[in-house]
N, C-alpha and C. Protein backbone atom coordinates (compact mmCIF):
# COMPACT_ATOMS: atom_id res chain seq x y z
N MET A 1 -9.99 2.34 22.98
CA MET A 1 -8.99 2.92 23.75
C MET A 1 -8.73 4.14 23.37
N VAL A 2 -8.93 5.10 24.17
CA VAL A 2 -9.31 6.70 24.24
C VAL A 2 -7.83 7.23 24.17
N GLU A 3 -7.70 8.12 23.04
CA GLU A 3 -6.25 8.84 22.69
C GLU A 3 -5.88 9.75 23.81
N GLY A 4 -5.29 9.77 24.65
CA GLY A 4 -4.38 10.63 25.24
C GLY A 4 -4.17 11.95 24.64
N LEU A 5 -4.06 12.56 25.58
CA LEU A 5 -3.32 14.05 25.26
C LEU A 5 -2.47 14.45 24.50
N ARG A 6 -1.19 13.50 25.18
CA ARG A 6 0.33 13.39 24.58
C ARG A 6 0.24 12.82 23.27
N GLU A 7 -0.68 11.28 23.07
CA GLU A 7 -0.46 10.56 21.89
C GLU A 7 -1.28 11.39 20.73
N ARG A 8 -2.20 12.54 21.07
CA ARG A 8 -2.91 13.39 20.12
C ARG A 8 -1.96 14.46 19.75
N LYS A 9 -0.93 15.02 20.64
CA LYS A 9 -0.23 15.90 19.98
C LYS A 9 0.93 15.30 19.04
N LYS A 10 1.09 14.12 19.33
CA LYS A 10 2.14 13.60 18.45
C LYS A 10 1.68 13.15 16.99
N ARG A 11 0.52 12.58 17.25
CA ARG A 11 -0.15 12.54 15.80
C ARG A 11 -0.25 13.58 15.12
N ARG A 12 -0.64 14.60 15.67
CA ARG A 12 -0.79 16.19 14.91
C ARG A 12 0.50 16.37 14.79
N THR A 13 1.27 16.54 15.55
CA THR A 13 2.79 16.96 15.02
C THR A 13 3.09 16.18 13.81
N ARG A 14 3.21 14.99 13.90
CA ARG A 14 3.26 14.15 12.95
C ARG A 14 2.81 14.24 11.49
N GLN A 15 1.45 14.56 11.30
CA GLN A 15 0.67 15.12 10.46
C GLN A 15 0.89 16.34 9.92
N HIS A 16 1.34 17.17 10.79
CA HIS A 16 1.79 18.63 10.26
C HIS A 16 3.01 18.69 9.62
N ILE A 17 4.03 17.41 10.10
CA ILE A 17 5.29 17.43 9.35
C ILE A 17 5.35 16.89 8.15
N SER A 18 4.45 15.79 7.90
CA SER A 18 4.53 15.08 6.64
C SER A 18 3.39 15.94 5.49
N GLN A 19 2.49 16.61 5.97
CA GLN A 19 1.85 17.54 5.14
C GLN A 19 2.78 18.61 4.86
N VAL A 20 3.61 19.15 5.56
CA VAL A 20 4.41 20.52 4.93
C VAL A 20 5.53 19.78 4.13
N ALA A 21 5.98 18.88 4.47
CA ALA A 21 6.67 18.18 3.58
C ALA A 21 6.36 17.69 2.55
N THR A 22 5.30 17.29 2.45
CA THR A 22 4.62 16.87 0.95
C THR A 22 3.96 18.26 0.12
N SER A 23 3.95 19.18 0.66
CA SER A 23 3.73 20.34 -0.06
C SER A 23 4.86 21.03 -0.50
N LEU A 24 6.15 20.66 0.28
CA LEU A 24 7.20 21.18 -0.56
C LEU A 24 7.80 20.40 -1.84
N PHE A 25 7.76 19.07 -1.18
CA PHE A 25 7.54 18.08 -2.23
C PHE A 25 7.25 18.34 -3.53
N VAL A 26 6.27 18.62 -3.68
CA VAL A 26 5.41 19.08 -4.69
C VAL A 26 5.39 20.17 -5.49
N GLN A 27 5.84 21.12 -4.87
CA GLN A 27 6.44 22.54 -5.12
C GLN A 27 7.90 22.20 -5.86
N ARG A 28 8.41 21.73 -5.26
CA ARG A 28 9.86 21.68 -5.58
C ARG A 28 10.61 20.40 -6.23
N GLY A 29 10.08 19.36 -5.93
CA GLY A 29 10.72 18.11 -6.48
C GLY A 29 11.12 17.59 -5.08
N PHE A 30 11.11 16.29 -4.93
CA PHE A 30 11.46 15.32 -3.78
C PHE A 30 12.88 15.75 -3.40
N ASP A 31 13.89 15.59 -4.33
CA ASP A 31 15.29 15.22 -4.23
C ASP A 31 15.83 16.77 -4.14
N GLN A 32 14.95 17.94 -4.44
CA GLN A 32 15.53 19.32 -4.23
C GLN A 32 15.12 20.04 -2.74
N VAL A 33 14.88 19.28 -1.65
CA VAL A 33 14.17 19.74 -0.79
C VAL A 33 14.69 18.99 0.64
N THR A 34 15.51 19.73 1.41
CA THR A 34 16.21 19.06 2.53
C THR A 34 15.38 18.70 3.53
N ILE A 35 15.98 17.88 4.53
CA ILE A 35 15.14 17.80 5.67
C ILE A 35 14.99 19.40 6.80
N ALA A 36 16.33 19.80 6.46
CA ALA A 36 16.41 20.92 7.40
C ALA A 36 15.31 22.10 6.99
N GLU A 37 15.17 21.99 5.51
CA GLU A 37 14.20 23.03 4.70
C GLU A 37 12.85 22.60 5.39
N VAL A 38 12.34 21.14 5.37
CA VAL A 38 11.20 20.67 5.91
C VAL A 38 11.01 20.96 7.39
N ALA A 39 11.79 20.82 8.31
CA ALA A 39 11.96 21.29 9.68
C ALA A 39 11.43 22.78 10.06
N ALA A 40 12.59 23.65 9.16
CA ALA A 40 11.95 24.94 9.12
C ALA A 40 10.95 25.65 8.77
N ALA A 41 10.21 24.73 7.69
CA ALA A 41 8.95 25.21 7.15
C ALA A 41 7.79 25.00 8.22
N ALA A 42 7.96 23.57 8.76
CA ALA A 42 7.33 23.08 10.16
C ALA A 42 7.31 23.65 10.92
N GLU A 43 8.29 24.45 11.52
CA GLU A 43 8.72 25.00 12.62
C GLU A 43 9.32 24.18 13.47
N VAL A 44 9.81 23.40 13.55
CA VAL A 44 10.06 22.09 14.52
C VAL A 44 11.77 21.81 14.06
N SER A 45 12.78 21.31 14.94
CA SER A 45 13.86 21.27 14.88
C SER A 45 14.03 19.90 13.95
N VAL A 46 15.46 19.58 13.30
CA VAL A 46 15.62 18.46 12.18
C VAL A 46 15.62 17.28 13.55
N ASN A 47 16.06 17.05 14.54
CA ASN A 47 15.82 16.14 15.46
C ASN A 47 14.56 15.72 15.47
N THR A 48 13.36 16.64 15.21
CA THR A 48 12.10 16.08 15.49
C THR A 48 11.47 15.23 14.48
N VAL A 49 11.95 16.07 13.25
CA VAL A 49 11.68 15.36 11.89
C VAL A 49 12.30 13.90 12.00
N TYR A 50 13.37 13.96 12.05
CA TYR A 50 13.84 12.46 12.15
C TYR A 50 13.32 11.56 13.47
N ASN A 51 12.94 12.07 14.49
CA ASN A 51 11.94 11.08 15.52
C ASN A 51 10.90 10.95 14.69
N TYR A 52 10.41 11.64 14.26
CA TYR A 52 9.07 10.95 13.54
C TYR A 52 9.27 10.22 12.30
N PHE A 53 9.89 10.40 11.28
CA PHE A 53 10.64 9.96 9.96
C PHE A 53 11.72 9.69 10.22
N PRO A 54 12.28 8.45 10.44
CA PRO A 54 13.96 8.17 10.38
C PRO A 54 14.30 8.52 9.11
N THR A 55 13.63 8.29 7.72
CA THR A 55 14.27 8.44 6.57
C THR A 55 13.44 9.54 5.86
N LYS A 56 14.02 10.20 4.93
CA LYS A 56 13.37 11.14 4.36
C LYS A 56 12.09 10.51 3.40
N GLU A 57 12.34 9.48 2.63
CA GLU A 57 11.30 8.60 1.90
C GLU A 57 10.00 8.46 2.93
N ASP A 58 10.16 8.22 4.17
CA ASP A 58 9.06 8.05 5.31
C ASP A 58 8.12 9.04 5.21
N LEU A 59 8.82 10.57 4.84
CA LEU A 59 7.96 11.52 4.84
C LEU A 59 6.88 11.23 3.84
N VAL A 60 6.83 10.58 2.86
CA VAL A 60 6.00 10.38 1.55
C VAL A 60 5.49 9.18 1.49
N LEU A 61 6.30 8.05 2.36
CA LEU A 61 5.82 6.70 2.22
C LEU A 61 5.96 6.32 3.67
N PRO A 62 4.73 6.56 4.76
CA PRO A 62 5.20 6.00 5.86
C PRO A 62 5.01 4.72 6.25
N PRO A 63 5.75 4.06 7.04
CA PRO A 63 5.37 2.48 7.33
C PRO A 63 4.21 1.98 7.42
N GLU A 64 3.44 2.82 8.38
CA GLU A 64 2.06 2.58 8.60
C GLU A 64 1.01 2.33 7.67
N GLU A 65 1.44 3.06 6.46
CA GLU A 65 0.85 3.48 5.19
C GLU A 65 1.23 2.40 4.29
N ALA A 66 2.32 2.19 4.29
CA ALA A 66 3.06 1.59 2.94
C ALA A 66 3.87 0.32 3.86
N SER A 67 3.29 -0.52 4.30
CA SER A 67 3.88 -1.72 5.02
C SER A 67 4.04 -2.92 4.26
N PRO A 68 5.37 -3.52 4.26
CA PRO A 68 5.43 -4.36 3.57
C PRO A 68 4.68 -5.89 3.96
N GLN A 69 4.05 -5.77 4.90
CA GLN A 69 2.90 -6.47 5.48
C GLN A 69 1.55 -6.58 4.89
N ARG A 70 1.30 -5.69 4.17
CA ARG A 70 0.35 -5.42 3.37
C ARG A 70 -0.62 -6.32 3.07
N LEU A 71 -0.06 -7.49 1.83
CA LEU A 71 -0.60 -8.14 1.28
C LEU A 71 -1.07 -9.35 2.55
N ALA A 72 0.29 -9.74 3.15
CA ALA A 72 0.14 -10.85 4.38
C ALA A 72 -1.02 -10.40 5.38
N ASP A 73 -1.10 -8.99 5.97
CA ASP A 73 -2.11 -8.61 6.62
C ASP A 73 -3.57 -8.99 6.17
N ILE A 74 -3.95 -8.76 4.77
CA ILE A 74 -5.14 -8.96 4.20
C ILE A 74 -5.29 -10.55 4.39
N VAL A 75 -4.27 -11.46 3.84
CA VAL A 75 -4.66 -12.61 3.86
C VAL A 75 -4.97 -13.36 5.27
N ARG A 76 -4.29 -12.83 6.25
CA ARG A 76 -4.30 -13.25 7.61
C ARG A 76 -5.66 -13.12 8.12
N ALA A 77 -6.03 -12.01 7.79
CA ALA A 77 -7.41 -11.62 8.02
C ALA A 77 -8.73 -11.95 7.61
N ARG A 78 -8.55 -12.55 6.21
CA ARG A 78 -9.76 -13.15 5.71
C ARG A 78 -10.69 -14.15 6.31
N PRO A 79 -12.11 -13.88 6.32
CA PRO A 79 -12.79 -14.82 6.78
C PRO A 79 -12.52 -16.19 6.21
N VAL A 80 -13.61 -17.03 7.07
CA VAL A 80 -13.60 -18.66 6.72
C VAL A 80 -14.28 -18.61 5.54
N GLY A 81 -13.39 -19.52 4.56
CA GLY A 81 -14.44 -19.53 3.46
C GLY A 81 -13.83 -18.69 2.21
N GLN A 82 -12.84 -18.03 2.41
CA GLN A 82 -12.64 -16.88 1.44
C GLN A 82 -10.99 -17.48 1.09
N SER A 83 -10.81 -17.40 -0.15
CA SER A 83 -9.30 -17.91 -0.47
C SER A 83 -8.20 -16.62 -0.47
N ALA A 84 -7.14 -16.85 -0.59
CA ALA A 84 -6.18 -15.58 -0.49
C ALA A 84 -6.34 -14.46 -1.68
N ALA A 85 -6.53 -14.85 -2.98
CA ALA A 85 -6.82 -14.29 -4.18
C ALA A 85 -8.45 -13.27 -3.72
N ALA A 86 -8.97 -14.17 -3.24
CA ALA A 86 -10.83 -13.48 -3.05
C ALA A 86 -10.22 -12.30 -2.00
N ALA A 87 -9.30 -12.58 -0.80
CA ALA A 87 -9.40 -11.56 -0.16
C ALA A 87 -8.54 -10.47 -0.39
N VAL A 88 -7.65 -10.91 -1.24
CA VAL A 88 -6.93 -9.53 -1.68
C VAL A 88 -7.73 -8.89 -2.96
N LEU A 89 -8.39 -9.02 -3.68
CA LEU A 89 -9.08 -8.60 -4.67
C LEU A 89 -10.60 -7.65 -4.07
N ALA A 90 -11.10 -8.44 -2.64
CA ALA A 90 -11.89 -8.04 -1.89
C ALA A 90 -11.61 -6.63 -1.28
N GLN A 91 -10.24 -6.63 -0.65
CA GLN A 91 -9.71 -5.35 -0.04
C GLN A 91 -9.49 -4.21 -0.76
N LEU A 92 -8.79 -4.78 -2.41
CA LEU A 92 -9.09 -3.50 -3.28
C LEU A 92 -10.27 -3.00 -3.81
N ARG A 93 -11.25 -3.79 -3.89
CA ARG A 93 -12.57 -3.27 -4.20
C ARG A 93 -13.09 -2.61 -2.99
N ALA A 94 -12.92 -2.72 -1.86
CA ALA A 94 -13.41 -1.65 -0.86
C ALA A 94 -12.67 -0.80 -0.51
N GLU A 95 -11.37 -0.63 -1.05
CA GLU A 95 -10.61 0.42 -1.26
C GLU A 95 -11.01 1.43 -2.37
N VAL A 96 -11.28 1.03 -3.29
CA VAL A 96 -11.98 1.92 -4.08
C VAL A 96 -13.66 2.31 -3.69
N ALA A 97 -14.28 1.35 -3.02
CA ALA A 97 -15.73 2.00 -2.60
C ALA A 97 -15.39 3.30 -1.56
N ARG A 98 -14.38 3.23 -1.14
CA ARG A 98 -13.92 4.28 -0.39
C ARG A 98 -13.30 5.20 -0.75
N ARG A 99 -12.93 5.29 -1.82
CA ARG A 99 -12.24 6.18 -2.70
C ARG A 99 -10.85 6.73 -1.55
N ASP A 100 -10.04 5.37 -1.47
CA ASP A 100 -9.27 5.37 -0.65
C ASP A 100 -7.63 6.20 -1.44
N ARG A 101 -7.29 6.84 -0.36
CA ARG A 101 -6.51 8.03 -1.05
C ARG A 101 -5.08 7.05 -1.34
N LYS A 102 -4.83 5.82 -0.73
CA LYS A 102 -3.36 4.81 -0.95
C LYS A 102 -3.72 4.59 -2.86
N LEU A 103 -4.95 4.65 -3.42
CA LEU A 103 -4.97 4.31 -4.67
C LEU A 103 -5.31 5.43 -5.55
N GLY A 104 -5.07 6.50 -4.84
CA GLY A 104 -4.98 7.71 -5.67
C GLY A 104 -6.56 8.13 -6.31
N LEU A 105 -7.15 7.82 -5.20
CA LEU A 105 -8.56 8.35 -5.72
C LEU A 105 -9.14 9.31 -4.74
N SER A 106 -8.33 10.06 -3.96
CA SER A 106 -8.70 11.01 -3.07
C SER A 106 -8.57 12.59 -4.23
N PRO A 107 -9.24 13.39 -3.98
CA PRO A 107 -8.99 14.44 -4.72
C PRO A 107 -7.73 15.35 -4.39
N GLY A 108 -6.93 15.94 -5.40
CA GLY A 108 -5.72 16.48 -5.30
C GLY A 108 -4.74 15.70 -5.01
N PHE A 109 -4.55 14.07 -5.34
CA PHE A 109 -3.78 13.34 -5.26
C PHE A 109 -2.51 13.04 -6.46
N GLY A 110 -3.21 13.84 -7.69
CA GLY A 110 -2.41 13.66 -8.73
C GLY A 110 -0.91 14.38 -8.60
N PRO A 111 -1.04 15.64 -8.06
CA PRO A 111 0.37 16.40 -8.40
C PRO A 111 1.33 15.33 -7.18
N VAL A 112 0.84 14.79 -5.78
CA VAL A 112 1.79 14.05 -5.01
C VAL A 112 2.04 12.76 -5.85
N LEU A 113 1.27 12.34 -6.61
CA LEU A 113 1.75 11.22 -7.55
C LEU A 113 2.52 11.34 -8.43
N ALA A 114 2.69 12.69 -8.92
CA ALA A 114 3.53 13.01 -10.18
C ALA A 114 4.81 13.31 -9.68
N MET A 115 4.73 13.77 -8.38
CA MET A 115 6.09 13.95 -7.73
C MET A 115 6.57 13.07 -6.99
N MET A 116 6.01 11.59 -6.86
CA MET A 116 6.43 10.39 -6.38
C MET A 116 7.04 10.18 -7.94
N ARG A 117 6.12 9.94 -8.78
CA ARG A 117 7.05 9.07 -10.14
C ARG A 117 8.22 9.91 -10.79
N ALA A 118 8.56 10.96 -10.37
CA ALA A 118 9.66 11.79 -10.71
C ALA A 118 10.87 11.75 -9.74
N ALA A 119 10.75 10.96 -8.50
CA ALA A 119 11.89 10.85 -7.72
C ALA A 119 12.52 9.54 -7.84
N PRO A 120 13.67 9.26 -8.52
CA PRO A 120 14.35 7.78 -8.37
C PRO A 120 13.79 7.08 -7.23
N THR A 121 14.38 7.86 -5.83
CA THR A 121 14.53 7.07 -4.53
C THR A 121 13.16 6.49 -4.02
N LEU A 122 12.15 7.16 -4.45
CA LEU A 122 10.26 6.90 -4.14
C LEU A 122 10.37 5.69 -5.09
N LEU A 123 10.63 5.84 -6.21
CA LEU A 123 10.53 4.73 -7.21
C LEU A 123 11.02 3.33 -6.72
N ALA A 124 12.29 3.42 -6.31
CA ALA A 124 13.08 2.36 -5.90
C ALA A 124 12.35 1.80 -4.51
N ARG A 125 12.22 2.76 -3.66
CA ARG A 125 11.62 2.50 -2.27
C ARG A 125 9.88 1.69 -2.70
N LEU A 126 9.26 1.80 -3.69
CA LEU A 126 8.20 1.30 -4.17
C LEU A 126 8.36 -0.20 -4.74
N GLU A 127 9.40 0.02 -5.52
CA GLU A 127 9.55 -1.36 -6.00
C GLU A 127 10.00 -2.72 -4.95
N ASP A 128 10.93 -1.74 -3.81
CA ASP A 128 11.54 -2.54 -2.86
C ASP A 128 10.38 -3.00 -1.94
N LEU A 129 9.62 -2.22 -1.65
CA LEU A 129 8.46 -2.57 -0.79
C LEU A 129 7.55 -3.67 -1.47
N GLY A 130 7.08 -3.43 -2.78
CA GLY A 130 6.70 -4.65 -3.78
C GLY A 130 7.45 -5.88 -3.67
N GLY A 131 8.24 -5.89 -3.55
CA GLY A 131 9.01 -7.44 -3.02
C GLY A 131 9.11 -7.75 -1.86
N GLN A 132 9.15 -6.84 -0.97
CA GLN A 132 8.96 -7.31 0.48
C GLN A 132 7.39 -8.04 0.90
N MET A 133 6.57 -7.06 0.05
CA MET A 133 5.27 -7.83 0.15
C MET A 133 4.93 -8.90 -0.21
N THR A 134 5.29 -9.50 -1.39
CA THR A 134 5.53 -10.77 -1.86
C THR A 134 6.03 -11.79 -1.01
N GLU A 135 7.16 -11.38 -0.34
CA GLU A 135 7.83 -12.65 0.19
C GLU A 135 7.06 -12.54 1.59
N ALA A 136 6.73 -12.10 2.16
CA ALA A 136 5.91 -12.05 3.42
C ALA A 136 4.65 -12.46 2.89
N LEU A 137 3.99 -11.99 2.10
CA LEU A 137 2.91 -13.12 1.59
C LEU A 137 3.15 -14.52 1.07
N ALA A 138 4.19 -14.77 0.60
CA ALA A 138 4.53 -16.51 0.08
C ALA A 138 4.73 -17.05 1.78
N ALA A 139 5.67 -16.27 2.72
CA ALA A 139 5.37 -17.04 3.79
C ALA A 139 4.56 -17.43 4.51
N VAL A 140 3.55 -16.61 4.76
CA VAL A 140 1.75 -16.83 5.15
C VAL A 140 1.51 -17.87 4.13
N LEU A 141 1.26 -18.09 3.16
CA LEU A 141 0.75 -19.13 2.30
C LEU A 141 1.55 -20.42 2.86
N ALA A 142 2.65 -20.34 2.43
CA ALA A 142 3.18 -21.53 3.14
C ALA A 142 3.09 -22.17 4.30
N GLU A 143 3.05 -21.17 5.31
CA GLU A 143 2.49 -21.76 6.60
C GLU A 143 1.20 -21.97 6.80
N GLU A 144 0.32 -21.35 6.08
CA GLU A 144 -1.22 -21.83 6.14
C GLU A 144 -1.27 -23.04 5.35
N THR A 145 -0.90 -23.25 4.30
CA THR A 145 -1.00 -24.36 3.73
C THR A 145 -0.49 -25.92 3.84
N GLY A 146 0.62 -25.61 5.12
CA GLY A 146 1.42 -26.65 5.49
C GLY A 146 2.51 -26.62 4.46
N ALA A 147 2.69 -26.04 3.28
CA ALA A 147 3.91 -26.72 2.25
C ALA A 147 5.01 -26.96 2.98
N ASP A 148 6.00 -27.32 2.33
CA ASP A 148 7.36 -27.89 2.51
C ASP A 148 8.01 -26.99 2.05
N ALA A 149 9.56 -26.75 2.65
CA ALA A 149 10.27 -25.72 2.08
C ALA A 149 10.50 -25.64 0.63
N GLN A 150 10.62 -27.10 0.09
CA GLN A 150 10.52 -27.04 -1.18
C GLN A 150 9.77 -26.92 -2.49
N ASP A 151 8.59 -27.12 -1.67
CA ASP A 151 7.25 -26.51 -2.37
C ASP A 151 7.23 -25.05 -3.17
N PRO A 152 7.28 -24.88 -4.43
CA PRO A 152 7.23 -23.51 -4.92
C PRO A 152 5.89 -23.19 -4.95
N LEU A 153 5.05 -23.66 -4.89
CA LEU A 153 3.56 -23.25 -4.96
C LEU A 153 3.17 -21.51 -4.21
N PRO A 154 3.52 -21.83 -2.74
CA PRO A 154 3.38 -20.44 -2.19
C PRO A 154 3.86 -19.24 -2.83
N ARG A 155 5.22 -19.46 -3.35
CA ARG A 155 6.12 -18.36 -3.74
C ARG A 155 5.14 -18.18 -5.19
N VAL A 156 4.67 -19.03 -6.07
CA VAL A 156 4.39 -18.83 -6.94
C VAL A 156 2.91 -18.02 -6.91
N VAL A 157 2.08 -17.92 -6.35
CA VAL A 157 0.87 -17.58 -5.86
C VAL A 157 1.05 -16.38 -5.51
N ALA A 158 2.11 -16.05 -4.30
CA ALA A 158 2.18 -14.70 -3.84
C ALA A 158 2.72 -13.73 -4.79
N HIS A 159 3.75 -14.07 -5.50
CA HIS A 159 3.83 -13.42 -7.04
C HIS A 159 2.90 -13.00 -7.70
N GLN A 160 2.07 -14.26 -8.08
CA GLN A 160 1.04 -13.32 -8.94
C GLN A 160 0.24 -12.39 -8.43
N LEU A 161 -0.27 -12.74 -6.98
CA LEU A 161 -1.07 -11.57 -6.26
C LEU A 161 -0.35 -10.52 -6.25
N GLY A 162 0.99 -10.43 -6.27
CA GLY A 162 1.79 -9.20 -5.75
C GLY A 162 1.88 -8.67 -7.31
N GLY A 163 2.14 -9.40 -8.51
CA GLY A 163 2.17 -8.56 -9.44
C GLY A 163 0.80 -7.91 -9.74
N LEU A 164 -0.18 -8.59 -9.35
CA LEU A 164 -1.57 -7.71 -9.65
C LEU A 164 -1.91 -6.89 -9.33
N HIS A 165 -1.46 -6.92 -7.74
CA HIS A 165 -1.47 -5.92 -6.66
C HIS A 165 -0.73 -4.38 -7.59
N SER A 166 0.54 -4.80 -7.62
CA SER A 166 1.24 -4.06 -8.37
C SER A 166 0.38 -3.57 -9.77
N LEU A 167 -0.11 -3.87 -10.14
CA LEU A 167 -0.61 -3.81 -11.49
C LEU A 167 -1.57 -3.02 -11.48
N VAL A 168 -2.39 -3.02 -10.44
CA VAL A 168 -3.45 -1.83 -10.10
C VAL A 168 -3.08 -0.57 -9.62
N TYR A 169 -2.07 -0.67 -8.80
CA TYR A 169 -1.74 0.64 -8.52
C TYR A 169 -0.92 1.39 -9.86
N ALA A 170 -0.34 0.47 -10.59
CA ALA A 170 0.39 1.17 -11.90
C ALA A 170 -0.44 1.76 -12.70
N GLU A 171 -1.58 0.85 -13.13
CA GLU A 171 -2.44 1.28 -13.88
C GLU A 171 -3.11 2.46 -13.63
N LEU A 172 -3.50 2.58 -12.05
CA LEU A 172 -4.31 3.61 -11.86
C LEU A 172 -3.39 4.89 -11.79
N GLY A 173 -2.23 4.55 -11.50
CA GLY A 173 -1.29 6.04 -11.34
C GLY A 173 -1.06 6.38 -12.77
N ALA A 174 -1.06 5.90 -13.68
CA ALA A 174 -0.50 6.06 -15.26
C ALA A 174 -1.94 6.84 -15.49
N ARG A 175 -3.40 6.64 -15.14
CA ARG A 175 -4.29 7.14 -15.54
C ARG A 175 -4.55 8.50 -14.80
N LEU A 176 -4.46 8.67 -13.40
CA LEU A 176 -4.09 9.92 -12.59
C LEU A 176 -3.14 10.78 -13.28
N ALA A 177 -2.13 10.64 -13.71
CA ALA A 177 -1.01 11.18 -14.43
C ALA A 177 -1.50 11.90 -15.55
N GLU A 178 -2.55 11.15 -16.07
CA GLU A 178 -3.27 11.87 -17.41
C GLU A 178 -4.44 12.82 -17.38
N GLY A 179 -4.58 12.88 -15.82
CA GLY A 179 -5.52 13.85 -15.50
C GLY A 179 -7.08 13.53 -15.00
N VAL A 180 -7.27 11.91 -15.36
CA VAL A 180 -8.42 11.51 -15.05
C VAL A 180 -9.00 11.84 -13.44
N GLU A 181 -10.21 12.20 -13.48
CA GLU A 181 -10.87 12.61 -12.16
C GLU A 181 -11.22 11.59 -11.27
N PRO A 182 -11.04 11.43 -9.86
CA PRO A 182 -11.02 10.41 -9.04
C PRO A 182 -12.70 9.37 -9.29
N GLU A 183 -13.74 10.03 -9.79
CA GLU A 183 -14.69 8.97 -10.00
C GLU A 183 -14.38 8.22 -11.35
N GLU A 184 -13.90 8.71 -12.37
CA GLU A 184 -13.54 8.25 -13.44
C GLU A 184 -12.68 6.98 -13.11
N LEU A 185 -11.51 7.50 -12.31
CA LEU A 185 -10.50 6.59 -11.91
C LEU A 185 -11.15 5.46 -11.15
N ALA A 186 -12.08 5.51 -10.06
CA ALA A 186 -12.76 4.39 -9.43
C ALA A 186 -13.65 3.59 -10.24
N GLU A 187 -14.42 4.14 -11.24
CA GLU A 187 -14.72 3.10 -12.43
C GLU A 187 -13.88 2.36 -12.94
N ALA A 188 -12.78 3.06 -13.34
CA ALA A 188 -11.87 2.26 -14.09
C ALA A 188 -11.19 0.93 -13.15
N ALA A 189 -11.16 1.44 -12.14
CA ALA A 189 -10.58 0.36 -11.07
C ALA A 189 -11.23 -1.08 -11.10
N SER A 190 -12.64 -0.20 -10.96
CA SER A 190 -13.56 -1.48 -11.02
C SER A 190 -13.47 -2.33 -12.04
N ARG A 191 -13.30 -1.67 -13.07
CA ARG A 191 -13.24 -2.80 -14.14
C ARG A 191 -12.15 -3.51 -14.34
N LEU A 192 -11.22 -2.81 -14.19
CA LEU A 192 -9.46 -3.64 -13.81
C LEU A 192 -10.02 -4.76 -13.02
N LEU A 193 -10.29 -4.64 -11.85
CA LEU A 193 -10.57 -5.80 -10.55
C LEU A 193 -11.25 -6.90 -11.11
N ASP A 194 -12.17 -6.76 -12.08
CA ASP A 194 -13.48 -7.31 -12.66
C ASP A 194 -12.64 -8.35 -13.67
N ALA A 195 -11.60 -7.40 -14.49
CA ALA A 195 -10.78 -7.94 -15.42
C ALA A 195 -9.90 -9.27 -14.86
N ILE A 196 -9.22 -8.78 -13.76
CA ILE A 196 -8.27 -9.59 -13.24
C ILE A 196 -8.97 -10.56 -12.73
N GLU A 197 -10.14 -10.39 -11.72
CA GLU A 197 -10.65 -11.88 -11.08
C GLU A 197 -11.28 -12.66 -12.69
N HIS A 198 -11.67 -12.39 -13.54
CA HIS A 198 -12.22 -13.04 -14.31
C HIS A 198 -11.13 -13.86 -15.08
N ALA A 199 -9.93 -13.22 -15.44
CA ALA A 199 -8.76 -13.83 -16.05
C ALA A 199 -8.00 -14.66 -14.90
N LEU A 200 -8.31 -14.56 -13.59
CA LEU A 200 -7.51 -15.79 -12.88
C LEU A 200 -8.35 -16.94 -12.51
N GLY A 201 -7.67 -18.02 -13.03
CA GLY A 201 -8.26 -19.62 -12.92
C GLY A 201 -8.89 -19.72 -11.58
N ASP A 202 -9.41 -21.13 -11.64
CA ASP A 202 -10.02 -21.82 -10.48
C ASP A 202 -8.73 -22.29 -9.67
N ASN A 203 -7.77 -22.59 -10.14
CA ASN A 203 -6.34 -22.73 -9.11
C ASN A 203 -6.03 -21.76 -8.42
N MET A 204 -6.11 -20.55 -8.90
CA MET A 204 -5.54 -19.49 -8.35
C MET A 204 -6.86 -18.91 -6.96
N LEU A 205 -8.24 -18.97 -7.83
CA LEU A 205 -9.38 -18.55 -6.71
C LEU A 205 -9.64 -19.23 -5.56
N THR A 206 -9.04 -20.48 -6.05
CA THR A 206 -9.77 -21.26 -4.86
C THR A 206 -8.31 -21.83 -4.07
N TYR A 207 -7.18 -21.46 -4.32
CA TYR A 207 -6.05 -21.66 -3.16
C TYR A 207 -5.73 -20.94 -2.05
N ALA A 208 -5.76 -21.60 -0.81
CA ALA A 208 -5.72 -21.08 0.43
C ALA A 208 -6.84 -20.54 0.55
N ILE A 209 -8.10 -21.71 0.83
CA ILE A 209 -9.28 -20.83 1.25
C ILE A 209 -9.13 -21.22 2.91
N ARG A 210 -9.49 -20.30 3.58
CA ARG A 210 -9.72 -20.55 5.21
C ARG A 210 -10.51 -21.65 5.38
N GLU A 211 -10.09 -22.26 6.21
CA GLU A 211 -11.06 -23.24 6.90
C GLU A 211 -11.30 -23.12 8.20
N ASP A 212 -12.56 -23.35 8.64
CA ASP A 212 -13.18 -23.29 9.88
C ASP A 212 -12.68 -24.22 11.02
N ARG A 213 -11.43 -24.04 11.62
CA ARG A 213 -10.43 -24.99 12.07
C ARG A 213 -11.22 -25.42 13.35
N THR A 214 -12.19 -24.42 13.98
CA THR A 214 -13.00 -25.33 15.15
C THR A 214 -13.84 -26.20 15.00
N CYS A 215 -14.22 -26.54 13.54
CA CYS A 215 -15.06 -27.99 13.44
C CYS A 215 -14.09 -28.85 13.54
N SER A 216 -12.78 -29.10 13.51
CA SER A 216 -12.02 -30.04 13.53
C SER A 216 -11.04 -30.33 15.04
N GLU A 217 -11.73 -28.97 16.13
CA GLU A 217 -10.90 -29.41 17.29
C GLU A 217 -11.83 -30.23 18.06
């Protein structure tokens, strides 16, 4: 679908506000910058900022990039023959390969991460987001495997995958804060994912393998 002029203008305005806000947050600290100051620096009204970003935290962690459905969506989209764990690992490997910003692998992301780690409200937002991701994944796993409400296995698997997902971000974040360059960080990420896959047992790696339902219809 071709992006119209109105949609393009809105996207550019949103990107501009986010970039201006992030720059201010990095310079002065997240808690030391007000929405009014962001609006003034971006040359828009305060209402415009809130129209695009309902909360201050959204300026750094926009819902479309920090979605509570991230893990659930990854598992929903896996191909036939792939398990839930394999899908999550494959997605993380793909993000490492393309040096995805979400993993801190893009140049210049170090100061942004340092700013985030110094802001208690952003850390709380990330912790809450991780919990929401795990709960959403557990619901998808229960639905796809036909588990009843009393079966703890979908939640066990979801919490393990959610924890491993958080571990990748935490480990890379710590190394980025130490000043490790993106290329070295990408190599470290690949080694970490190899270690995770090696440590996972068959029960995890073969849980919730996507079946070809067309064959049974």
